[in-house]
C-alpha atoms as a PDB file:
ATOM      1  CA  LEU A   1      19.741   8.239   2.184  1.00  0.00           C
ATOM      2  CA  MET A   2      19.164   5.769  -0.620  1.00  0.00           C
ATOM      3  CA  ARG A   3      16.418   6.728  -3.072  1.00  0.00           C
ATOM      4  CA  LEU A   4      13.571   4.582  -3.456  1.00  0.00           C
ATOM      5  CA  SER A   5      11.419   4.311  -6.953  1.00  0.00           C
ATOM      6  CA  VAL A   6       8.210   2.292  -6.691  1.00  0.00           C
ATOM      7  CA  ILE A   7       7.544   0.942 -10.429  1.00  0.00           C
ATOM      8  CA  ILE A   8       3.955  -0.720 -11.403  1.00  0.00           C
ATOM      9  CA  PRO A   9       3.117  -2.160 -14.416  1.00  0.00           C
ATOM     10  CA  THR A  10      -0.720  -1.724 -15.165  1.00  0.00           C
ATOM     11  CA  PHE A  11      -3.276  -3.212 -17.417  1.00  0.00           C
ATOM     12  CA  ASN A  12      -6.876  -2.288 -16.864  1.00  0.00           C
ATOM     13  CA  GLU A  13      -6.419  -1.749 -13.228  1.00  0.00           C
ATOM     14  CA  GLU A  14      -9.295   0.782 -12.877  1.00  0.00           C
ATOM     15  CA  LEU A  15     -10.651  -1.208  -9.717  1.00  0.00           C
ATOM     16  CA  ALA A  16      -7.351  -1.481  -7.914  1.00  0.00           C
ATOM     17  CA  ILE A  17      -4.727   1.324  -8.454  1.00  0.00           C
ATOM     18  CA  ALA A  18      -6.370   3.858  -6.465  1.00  0.00           C
ATOM     19  CA  LYS A  19      -6.021   2.226  -3.316  1.00  0.00           C
ATOM     20  CA  THR A  20      -2.460   1.242  -4.271  1.00  0.00           C
ATOM     21  CA  LEU A  21      -1.535   5.031  -4.819  1.00  0.00           C
ATOM     22  CA  ASP A  22      -3.606   5.650  -1.424  1.00  0.00           C
ATOM     23  CA  ALA A  23      -0.967   3.162   0.189  1.00  0.00           C
ATOM     24  CA  LEU A  24       1.867   4.503  -1.311  1.00  0.00           C
ATOM     25  CA  SER A  25       0.845   8.255  -0.546  1.00  0.00           C
ATOM     26  CA  ARG A  26       0.853   7.193   3.701  1.00  0.00           C
ATOM     27  CA  LEU A  27       4.783   5.436   3.209  1.00  0.00           C
ATOM     28  CA  VAL A  28       6.989   8.121   3.941  1.00  0.00           C
ATOM     29  CA  ASN A  29      10.391   6.698   2.068  1.00  0.00           C
ATOM     30  CA  VAL A  30       8.890   6.357  -1.396  1.00  0.00           C
ATOM     31  CA  ASP A  31      10.448   9.321  -3.301  1.00  0.00           C
ATOM     32  CA  GLU A  32       8.599   8.433  -6.891  1.00  0.00           C
ATOM     33  CA  VAL A  33       6.207   6.313  -8.509  1.00  0.00           C
ATOM     34  CA  ILE A  34       6.725   5.281 -11.797  1.00  0.00           C
ATOM     35  CA  ILE A  35       3.504   3.669 -13.362  1.00  0.00           C
ATOM     36  CA  VAL A  36       4.284   2.261 -16.897  1.00  0.00           C
ATOM     37  CA  ASP A  37       0.818   0.993 -18.854  1.00  0.00           C
ATOM     38  CA  GLY A  38       0.446  -1.443 -21.132  1.00  0.00           C
ATOM     39  CA  GLY A  39      -2.530   0.215 -23.135  1.00  0.00           C
ATOM     40  CA  SER A  40      -4.968   0.026 -20.801  1.00  0.00           C
ATOM     41  CA  THR A  41      -8.924   0.531 -21.986  1.00  0.00           C
ATOM     42  CA  ASP A  42     -10.709   0.924 -19.051  1.00  0.00           C
ATOM     43  CA  ARG A  43     -10.542   3.712 -16.612  1.00  0.00           C
ATOM     44  CA  THR A  44      -6.653   3.205 -15.047  1.00  0.00           C
ATOM     45  CA  ILE A  45      -5.205   5.937 -17.326  1.00  0.00           C
ATOM     46  CA  GLU A  46      -7.611   8.767 -16.023  1.00  0.00           C
ATOM     47  CA  LEU A  47      -7.475   7.942 -12.474  1.00  0.00           C
ATOM     48  CA  ILE A  48      -3.387   7.749 -12.641  1.00  0.00           C
ATOM     49  CA  GLU A  49      -3.633  11.688 -14.432  1.00  0.00           C
ATOM     50  CA  ASN A  50      -6.020  12.629 -12.134  1.00  0.00           C
ATOM     51  CA  TYR A  51      -4.053  11.452  -8.929  1.00  0.00           C
ATOM     52  CA  HIS A  52      -2.634  14.251  -6.681  1.00  0.00           C
ATOM     53  CA  ARG A  53      -1.526  12.758  -3.435  1.00  0.00           C
ATOM     54  CA  LEU A  54       2.243  11.196  -4.008  1.00  0.00           C
ATOM     55  CA  LYS A  55       4.767  13.886  -4.381  1.00  0.00           C
ATOM     56  CA  LYS A  56       6.151  12.507  -7.596  1.00  0.00           C
ATOM     57  CA  ILE A  57       4.104  10.270  -9.992  1.00  0.00           C
ATOM     58  CA  GLU A  58       5.034   9.964 -13.408  1.00  0.00           C
ATOM     59  CA  LEU A  59       2.551   7.852 -15.778  1.00  0.00           C
ATOM     60  CA  ILE A  60       4.614   6.160 -19.043  1.00  0.00           C
ATOM     61  CA  LYS A  61       2.556   4.504 -21.556  1.00  0.00           C
ATOM     62  CA  ILE A  62       3.788   1.661 -23.932  1.00  0.00           C
ATOM     63  CA  GLY A  63       1.501  -0.265 -26.674  1.00  0.00           C
ATOM     64  CA  GLU A  64       1.784  -3.544 -25.321  1.00  0.00           C
ATOM     65  CA  ALA A  65       0.829  -5.319 -21.937  1.00  0.00           C
ATOM     66  CA  ASN A  66       4.065  -7.216 -21.471  1.00  0.00           C
ATOM     67  CA  ARG A  67       5.341  -7.462 -17.758  1.00  0.00           C
ATOM     68  CA  GLY A  68       9.086  -7.638 -18.281  1.00  0.00           C
ATOM     69  CA  ARG A  69       8.816  -4.949 -20.965  1.00  0.00           C
ATOM     70  CA  GLN A  70       7.005  -2.540 -18.672  1.00  0.00           C
ATOM     71  CA  LEU A  71       9.216  -3.021 -16.082  1.00  0.00           C
ATOM     72  CA  HIS A  72      12.568  -2.621 -18.251  1.00  0.00           C
ATOM     73  CA  GLU A  73      10.523   0.809 -19.454  1.00  0.00           C
ATOM     74  CA  GLY A  74      10.153   1.585 -15.754  1.00  0.00           C
ATOM     75  CA  THR A  75      13.709   1.426 -14.754  1.00  0.00           C
ATOM     76  CA  ARG A  76      14.727   3.601 -17.346  1.00  0.00           C
ATOM     77  CA  HIS A  77      12.680   6.590 -16.325  1.00  0.00           C
ATOM     78  CA  ALA A  78      13.594   5.958 -12.568  1.00  0.00           C
ATOM     79  CA  SER A  79      16.150   8.343 -10.684  1.00  0.00           C
ATOM     80  CA  GLY A  80      16.235   6.043  -7.643  1.00  0.00           C
ATOM     81  CA  GLU A  81      19.256   3.790  -6.664  1.00  0.00           C
ATOM     82  CA  VAL A  82      16.525   1.450  -5.184  1.00  0.00           C
ATOM     83  CA  PHE A  83      13.953   0.125  -7.410  1.00  0.00           C
ATOM     84  CA  TRP A  84      10.571  -1.731  -5.579  1.00  0.00           C
ATOM     85  CA  PHE A  85       8.671  -3.577  -8.061  1.00  0.00           C
ATOM     86  CA  LEU A  86       4.950  -3.589  -6.989  1.00  0.00           C
ATOM     87  CA  HIS A  87       1.649  -5.465  -8.436  1.00  0.00           C
ATOM     88  CA  ALA A  88      -1.105  -2.655  -8.918  1.00  0.00           C
ATOM     89  CA  ASP A  89      -3.118  -4.336  -6.294  1.00  0.00           C
ATOM     90  CA  THR A  90      -0.519  -4.035  -3.740  1.00  0.00           C
ATOM     91  CA  ARG A  91      -1.193  -2.595  -0.296  1.00  0.00           C
ATOM     92  CA  PRO A  92       1.990  -1.329   1.201  1.00  0.00           C
ATOM     93  CA  VAL A  93       2.253  -0.705   4.343  1.00  0.00           C
ATOM     94  CA  GLN A  94       5.155   1.653   6.183  1.00  0.00           C
ATOM     95  CA  GLY A  95       7.930  -0.712   8.404  1.00  0.00           C
END
């Protein structure tokens, strides 16, 4: 079975990120979630650091909100064979 790494670039997503993480926590096939933050100035970082419903969540902070660089950085930290890139306001469902 292939391992699935979810990669999410964020920048000031405090209104959306918790609901996205909740949706991901209900999926059975997610092996890890990697969030690459581009310098959020709101509560995004705090919400991610205090989220404990996912078995493996990693937060990487880079200094600029550059989606391409954030996605690339996420792939560098991912251990899965399959990468699933999501926006911070995506609500995935099982199946």
